[in-house]
Protein backbone atom coordinates (compact mmCIF):
# COMPACT_ATOMS: atom_id res chain seq x y z
CA MET A 1 23.89 -51.58 -6.61
CA LYS A 2 20.79 -50.57 -5.78
CA GLY A 3 18.46 -46.57 -5.96
CA ILE A 4 20.00 -43.91 -7.66
CA ALA A 5 23.23 -46.02 -8.43
CA LEU A 6 21.15 -48.30 -10.44
CA GLN A 7 19.54 -45.65 -11.93
CA ASP A 8 22.53 -43.87 -13.49
CA PHE A 9 23.68 -47.49 -14.02
CA LEU A 10 21.13 -48.21 -16.32
CA TYR A 11 20.89 -45.00 -17.90
CA LYS A 12 24.53 -44.92 -19.03
CA LYS A 13 24.05 -48.35 -20.59
CA LEU A 14 20.96 -47.54 -22.81
CA GLY A 15 22.88 -44.31 -23.50
CA ARG A 16 20.43 -42.18 -21.75
CA THR A 17 20.18 -38.98 -18.93
CA TRP A 18 17.71 -38.84 -16.26
CA ASP A 19 16.32 -35.21 -18.11
CA ASP A 20 15.71 -37.39 -21.40
CA THR A 21 12.91 -39.62 -19.68
CA ILE A 22 9.48 -39.32 -20.44
CA VAL A 23 6.85 -37.78 -17.89
CA ASP A 24 4.03 -39.89 -18.10
CA GLY A 25 0.74 -37.64 -18.28
CA ALA A 26 2.26 -34.41 -19.39
CA THR A 27 0.94 -32.73 -22.12
CA LEU A 28 1.47 -29.29 -24.21
CA GLN A 29 -1.14 -28.32 -21.68
CA ASP A 30 1.94 -28.47 -18.72
CA ILE A 31 4.42 -25.98 -20.87
CA ASP A 32 3.88 -22.01 -19.57
CA GLU A 33 4.41 -20.60 -23.10
CA SER A 34 5.42 -16.98 -21.36
CA ALA A 35 8.18 -18.82 -19.80
CA VAL A 36 9.43 -20.52 -23.00
CA THR A 37 8.84 -16.51 -24.55
CA SER A 38 11.23 -15.16 -22.17
CA PHE A 39 13.77 -18.34 -23.04
CA LEU A 40 13.61 -17.09 -26.48
CA LYS A 41 14.14 -13.40 -26.05
CA ALA A 42 17.29 -14.18 -23.63
CA SER A 43 18.43 -16.66 -26.27
CA ILE A 44 17.96 -14.71 -28.82
CA LYS A 45 19.35 -11.47 -27.65
CA SER A 46 22.58 -13.93 -26.66
CA GLY A 47 23.01 -15.93 -29.86
CA ARG A 48 22.72 -18.90 -28.39
CA ILE A 49 19.92 -20.34 -30.12
CA TYR A 50 19.02 -21.58 -33.99
CA HIS A 51 18.20 -18.62 -36.25
CA ASN A 52 14.45 -17.90 -36.46
CA ALA A 53 13.66 -20.19 -33.63
CA ASP A 54 11.04 -17.48 -32.47
CA LYS A 55 9.13 -18.19 -35.65
CA ASP A 56 8.39 -21.78 -34.68
CA ASP A 57 5.40 -22.88 -33.11
CA LEU A 58 5.29 -24.06 -29.38
CA LEU A 59 5.51 -28.03 -30.41
CA THR A 60 8.45 -27.19 -33.12
CA LEU A 61 10.51 -25.19 -30.84
CA LEU A 62 10.07 -28.34 -28.40
CA GLN A 63 11.11 -30.81 -30.94
CA ASN A 64 13.96 -29.03 -32.50
CA LEU A 65 14.98 -28.48 -28.88
CA ASP A 66 15.30 -31.81 -27.99
CA LEU A 67 12.48 -31.52 -25.39
CA ILE A 68 9.92 -34.04 -26.50
CA THR A 69 9.98 -37.03 -28.26
CA PRO A 70 8.93 -37.99 -31.98
CA GLU A 71 5.50 -39.34 -30.40
CA ASN A 72 5.03 -36.00 -28.37
CA LYS A 73 6.02 -36.97 -25.34
CA LEU A 74 7.31 -34.37 -22.97
CA ARG A 75 10.55 -34.99 -21.95
CA SER A 76 12.05 -34.14 -17.89
CA ALA A 77 13.62 -31.51 -18.77
CA ALA A 78 11.15 -29.40 -20.82
CA VAL A 79 9.18 -30.03 -17.86
CA LEU A 80 11.39 -28.52 -15.27
CA LEU A 81 12.76 -25.81 -17.62
CA PHE A 82 9.10 -24.76 -19.02
CA GLY A 83 6.10 -26.35 -16.98
CA LYS A 84 3.74 -24.44 -15.04
CA ARG A 85 4.54 -26.44 -12.00
CA PRO A 86 7.09 -29.12 -12.25
CA GLN A 87 6.13 -30.42 -8.50
CA ARG A 88 3.26 -31.91 -9.99
CA TYR A 89 5.55 -34.49 -11.22
CA PHE A 90 9.07 -34.01 -9.40
CA ILE A 91 8.10 -34.14 -5.61
CA HIS A 92 11.38 -32.81 -4.66
CA SER A 93 11.86 -29.80 -7.27
CA TYR A 94 11.62 -27.22 -4.91
CA PHE A 95 13.79 -24.83 -3.05
CA LYS A 96 14.30 -24.41 0.69
CA ILE A 97 15.70 -21.44 1.96
CA GLY A 98 16.59 -20.91 5.73
CA LYS A 99 17.55 -18.31 8.24
CA PHE A 100 19.58 -19.70 10.86
CA GLY A 101 21.57 -18.04 14.31
CA MET A 102 24.13 -19.09 15.93
CA SER A 103 23.45 -22.69 15.42
CA ASP A 104 22.18 -25.13 12.91
CA ALA A 105 19.24 -25.22 15.72
CA ASP A 106 18.23 -21.85 16.09
CA LEU A 107 16.18 -21.54 12.42
CA LYS A 108 14.67 -17.89 12.90
CA PHE A 109 12.37 -18.16 9.89
CA GLN A 110 12.41 -20.26 6.40
CA ASP A 111 11.30 -20.28 2.88
CA THR A 112 9.82 -22.75 0.18
CA VAL A 113 10.03 -21.72 -3.28
CA GLU A 114 8.52 -23.37 -6.13
CA GLY A 115 7.76 -22.83 -10.28
CA SER A 116 10.40 -23.80 -12.90
CA VAL A 117 14.07 -23.64 -13.18
CA PHE A 118 14.14 -20.48 -14.32
CA GLU A 119 11.63 -18.76 -11.83
CA MET A 120 13.14 -20.54 -8.61
CA VAL A 121 16.38 -19.17 -9.68
CA ASP A 122 14.76 -15.40 -9.91
CA LYS A 123 12.79 -15.80 -7.07
CA VAL A 124 15.38 -17.26 -4.97
CA ILE A 125 17.49 -14.24 -5.42
CA GLN A 126 14.65 -11.88 -4.62
CA LEU A 127 14.04 -13.84 -1.43
CA LEU A 128 17.51 -13.34 -0.84
CA LYS A 129 17.49 -9.45 -1.30
CA ASP A 130 14.34 -8.67 0.74
CA ARG A 131 14.54 -11.13 3.81
CA TYR A 132 17.64 -12.82 4.05
CA LEU A 133 20.49 -10.31 3.65
CA ILE A 134 22.12 -7.22 4.46
CA SER A 135 22.25 -4.46 1.29
CA HIS A 136 24.34 -1.45 1.94
CA ILE A 137 22.71 1.45 0.77
CA SER A 138 24.98 4.32 -0.73
CA TYR A 139 23.83 7.34 -2.88
CA GLU A 140 25.24 8.89 -5.95
CA GLY A 141 23.68 12.24 -6.15
CA ILE A 142 20.01 11.57 -5.88
CA GLN A 143 19.99 8.11 -7.10
CA ARG A 144 20.00 5.19 -3.79
CA ILE A 145 22.15 2.48 -4.83
CA GLU A 146 21.66 -1.10 -2.73
CA LYS A 147 24.60 -3.72 -2.91
CA LEU A 148 23.87 -7.02 -1.41
CA GLU A 149 26.38 -7.94 1.05
CA SER A 150 27.32 -10.83 -1.79
CA PRO A 151 27.76 -10.22 -4.84
CA GLU A 152 24.48 -10.97 -6.30
CA ALA A 153 26.53 -12.23 -10.14
CA ALA A 154 28.53 -14.99 -7.82
CA LEU A 155 25.02 -15.79 -5.85
CA ARG A 156 22.82 -16.32 -9.07
CA GLU A 157 26.12 -18.64 -10.64
CA ALA A 158 26.00 -20.71 -7.56
CA ILE A 159 22.39 -21.13 -7.35
CA LEU A 160 21.91 -21.48 -10.93
CA ASN A 161 24.17 -24.18 -10.70
CA ALA A 162 22.44 -26.03 -7.62
CA VAL A 163 19.27 -25.91 -9.60
CA VAL A 164 20.80 -27.09 -12.67
CA HIS A 165 23.13 -30.15 -11.77
CA LYS A 166 20.53 -31.35 -9.20
CA ASP A 167 19.67 -34.85 -8.76
CA TYR A 168 15.54 -34.27 -8.87
CA THR A 169 14.96 -37.95 -7.98
CA ASP A 170 16.46 -37.08 -4.46
CA THR A 171 15.24 -34.34 -1.79
CA THR A 172 15.30 -30.79 -2.19
CA ILE A 173 18.07 -28.04 -2.86
CA GLN A 174 18.81 -26.08 0.75
CA LEU A 175 20.30 -22.92 1.53
CA SER A 176 21.11 -22.13 4.72
CA VAL A 177 21.79 -18.33 5.60
CA TYR A 178 23.75 -17.17 8.67
CA ASP A 179 25.44 -14.27 10.07
CA ASP A 180 28.92 -14.81 8.56
CA LYS A 181 28.27 -17.41 5.58
CA LEU A 182 25.66 -19.20 3.11
CA MET A 183 25.69 -22.78 2.85
CA LEU A 184 24.17 -24.47 -0.17
CA TRP A 185 23.51 -28.30 -0.46
CA ASN A 186 21.65 -30.32 -3.42
CA ALA A 187 21.64 -33.79 -3.95
CA GLY A 188 23.87 -34.16 -7.26
CA LYS A 189 26.39 -36.29 -7.37
CA LEU A 190 30.01 -36.53 -9.04
CA PRO A 191 29.92 -38.99 -12.27
CA VAL A 192 31.33 -42.79 -10.81
CA ASP A 193 34.35 -42.27 -12.71
CA ILE A 194 35.50 -38.89 -11.16
CA PRO A 195 35.96 -39.34 -7.29
CA LEU A 196 36.25 -36.16 -5.03
CA GLU A 197 40.15 -36.34 -4.74
CA ARG A 198 40.10 -35.86 -8.70
CA LEU A 199 38.72 -32.37 -8.08
CA THR A 200 41.66 -30.99 -7.12
CA LYS A 201 43.64 -32.17 -10.23
CA LYS A 202 42.53 -31.91 -13.81
CA HIS A 203 39.74 -33.45 -15.04
CA PRO A 204 36.79 -33.59 -17.29
CA SER A 205 33.31 -31.90 -17.57
CA ARG A 206 30.93 -34.25 -17.38
CA PRO A 207 27.88 -32.01 -16.12
CA ARG A 208 25.10 -34.73 -15.03
CA ASN A 209 21.95 -33.14 -16.46
């Protein structure tokens, strides 16, 4: 046993996950408070955060969300979610998008997207709209309506899942755009006790992050 498998084994023995681990050298100065504010607004609106969370200062909020240790050391999840530049600490925490022709060898152009987890999702969606996907245009009266060839809600869900469930100790997330399909790949792996063949049957939900 070695590499990622050994790491997962050790974390399981310790009752921990990778996103609980401490980021050496990271401080509150690495946290983007505007990203935290945006998160709070969305969470309060959806009722998915504790009462009066918006009254807490940054340190208290991170403590209550278990994103910082009792010794005020930032956890990996805090840096990925709210870091000003997570790529400083996690070199594989970015997104690559490529536009392809008829084959994988026919790369037309590509982009790299960096930022926090929340930023990357929004940036990727915007890039897809601007450069990669065709929008069908219609009008309702004088109002112009643009509708993507792929449903935006489905795209956002797929991209969010790829970002959230990625193994950030491994390589980047890759999105390949073809004329007739999109292919999304990340380095997330199934839990050891859920082999691939079990996915077609009833199985427990065990997110890696």
